[in-house]
Structure formats: C-alpha cells, structure tokens
C-alpha cells in the first residue's frame, strides 16, 4: 500500500498560520466553592506554590482569591464570600469550574 501526500506550501514571511498569534497563556481563573481547600489541593497534588492570598485575613470582604504558580503557569482560584458574589452564583448553578482564560498576544 502506498500513500501520497499533497504538496505543502511553505509559510510566507509575515503571515502567521495562527490567526490569534498567541504568545502565552497568562492565567486561568477558577470559580470554586472553597478557594482555600482548592489551593491546598493544587499545591499538594500538583506542586503549585501559593504565591499570594487575598481573603478575610488580608481585608478582602467580597472574595477569597489565591494565586498559584508553577514555572510560568498561573492559576487564580476565587470564592465569593457572600451569596450575591458572581463566583457564588456561578458555583451554585454549575459547580466548580474555569471562569476566565487570559492570553498574551502580539497586539
């Protein structure tokens, strides 16, 4: 059995095959029911480091957010601290999940 391949055209200078011209993923934000527990889980299970914390102990009365890093990977894990917070409403409807993904692009 023989296979034939179609001729490939070389990419032209100045034209990118990626329409987004994506450089990197800046961060991924999670909305969860318990940010402290989720941060501990990612730190212990996958080797992330808890870099920064914003919660009741630091004066934030609306939400608790943990910044986890591993190399150039950044996770923001957020929990609303009252029922009217968007994170709490979303977790109530859909459960824990990804809310935002921020990309670094050329322009």
Protein backbone atom coordinates (compact mmCIF):
# COMPACT_ATOMS: atom_id res chain seq x y z
CA UNK A 1 0.00 0.00 0.00
CA UNK A 2 1.36 3.38 -0.90
CA UNK A 3 0.35 6.79 0.31
CA UNK A 4 0.63 10.06 -1.46
CA UNK A 5 0.84 13.38 0.21
CA UNK A 6 -0.28 16.69 -1.11
CA UNK A 7 2.44 19.24 -1.77
CA UNK A 8 2.92 21.53 1.20
CA UNK A 9 3.39 25.25 0.68
CA UNK A 10 5.99 26.91 2.85
CA UNK A 11 4.69 29.63 5.16
CA UNK A 12 5.24 33.06 3.73
CA UNK A 13 7.22 35.59 5.75
CA UNK A 14 4.95 38.00 7.58
CA UNK A 15 1.98 35.64 7.51
CA UNK A 16 1.24 33.53 10.56
CA UNK A 17 -0.74 30.31 10.40
CA UNK A 18 -2.13 31.16 13.85
CA UNK A 19 -4.85 33.81 13.47
CA UNK A 20 -4.60 34.75 17.18
CA UNK A 21 -0.80 35.00 17.16
CA UNK A 22 -0.90 33.56 20.64
CA UNK A 23 2.27 34.04 22.68
CA UNK A 24 1.32 32.50 26.02
CA UNK A 25 -1.49 31.75 28.43
CA UNK A 26 -1.29 34.47 31.09
CA UNK A 27 -3.55 32.89 33.72
CA UNK A 28 -6.55 30.64 34.28
CA UNK A 29 -9.21 31.75 36.81
CA UNK A 30 -11.29 29.13 38.61
CA UNK A 31 -14.54 29.81 40.47
CA UNK A 32 -14.81 27.28 43.30
CA UNK A 33 -16.85 26.70 46.42
CA UNK A 34 -13.81 26.72 48.75
CA UNK A 35 -10.72 28.54 47.45
CA UNK A 36 -8.51 27.64 50.41
CA UNK A 37 -9.20 23.94 50.01
CA UNK A 38 -8.74 24.05 46.22
CA UNK A 39 -5.44 25.96 46.56
CA UNK A 40 -4.18 23.40 49.08
CA UNK A 41 -5.20 20.56 46.73
CA UNK A 42 -3.34 22.02 43.72
CA UNK A 43 -0.30 22.80 45.88
CA UNK A 44 -0.08 19.33 47.43
CA UNK A 45 -1.15 17.24 44.42
CA UNK A 46 0.47 19.05 41.51
CA UNK A 47 3.35 21.01 43.06
CA UNK A 48 1.95 24.53 42.69
CA UNK A 49 3.14 27.22 45.10
CA UNK A 50 0.68 29.55 46.79
CA UNK A 51 2.23 32.94 45.94
CA UNK A 52 -0.41 35.42 47.09
CA UNK A 53 -3.61 35.35 49.13
CA UNK A 54 -6.47 37.84 49.28
CA UNK A 55 -9.17 36.88 51.79
CA UNK A 56 -10.71 37.97 55.08
CA UNK A 57 -7.30 37.88 56.79
CA UNK A 58 -5.97 40.47 54.33
CA UNK A 59 -9.08 42.69 54.42
CA UNK A 60 -11.00 41.43 51.38
CA UNK A 61 -14.65 41.13 52.41
CA UNK A 62 -16.09 40.22 48.98
CA UNK A 63 -13.99 37.28 47.80
CA UNK A 64 -11.12 34.99 48.64
CA UNK A 65 -8.56 34.63 45.86
CA UNK A 66 -5.38 32.54 45.82
CA UNK A 67 -2.62 32.93 43.21
CA UNK A 68 -0.85 29.65 42.49
CA UNK A 69 2.22 29.39 40.28
CA UNK A 70 4.36 26.67 38.83
CA UNK A 71 7.00 27.96 36.43
CA UNK A 72 5.14 30.28 34.09
CA UNK A 73 1.73 28.70 34.85
CA UNK A 74 -0.59 30.89 36.93
CA UNK A 75 -3.93 29.86 38.44
CA UNK A 76 -6.27 32.27 40.22
CA UNK A 77 -8.70 30.42 42.45
CA UNK A 78 -11.66 32.54 43.61
CA UNK A 79 -14.54 32.03 46.02
CA UNK A 80 -17.24 34.58 46.71
CA UNK A 81 -17.71 35.33 50.39
CA UNK A 82 -21.40 36.25 50.13
CA UNK A 83 -24.31 34.86 48.14
CA UNK A 84 -24.53 37.86 45.77
CA UNK A 85 -20.96 37.48 44.52
CA UNK A 86 -20.77 36.32 40.86
CA UNK A 87 -18.49 33.40 41.81
CA UNK A 88 -21.00 32.08 44.34
CA UNK A 89 -23.88 32.38 41.89
CA UNK A 90 -21.92 30.52 39.20
CA UNK A 91 -20.74 27.79 41.57
CA UNK A 92 -24.33 27.40 42.78
CA UNK A 93 -25.57 26.89 39.22
CA UNK A 94 -22.74 24.90 37.62
CA UNK A 95 -20.31 23.80 40.34
CA UNK A 96 -16.57 24.44 40.38
CA UNK A 97 -15.06 25.37 37.04
CA UNK A 98 -12.97 27.66 34.89
CA UNK A 99 -14.27 31.22 34.55
CA UNK A 100 -11.55 33.06 32.58
CA UNK A 101 -8.53 32.23 30.49
CA UNK A 102 -6.27 35.22 29.76
CA UNK A 103 -3.92 35.02 26.76
CA UNK A 104 -0.83 37.04 25.97
CA UNK A 105 -0.96 38.05 22.31
CA UNK A 106 1.18 40.10 19.97
CA UNK A 107 -1.15 43.09 19.68
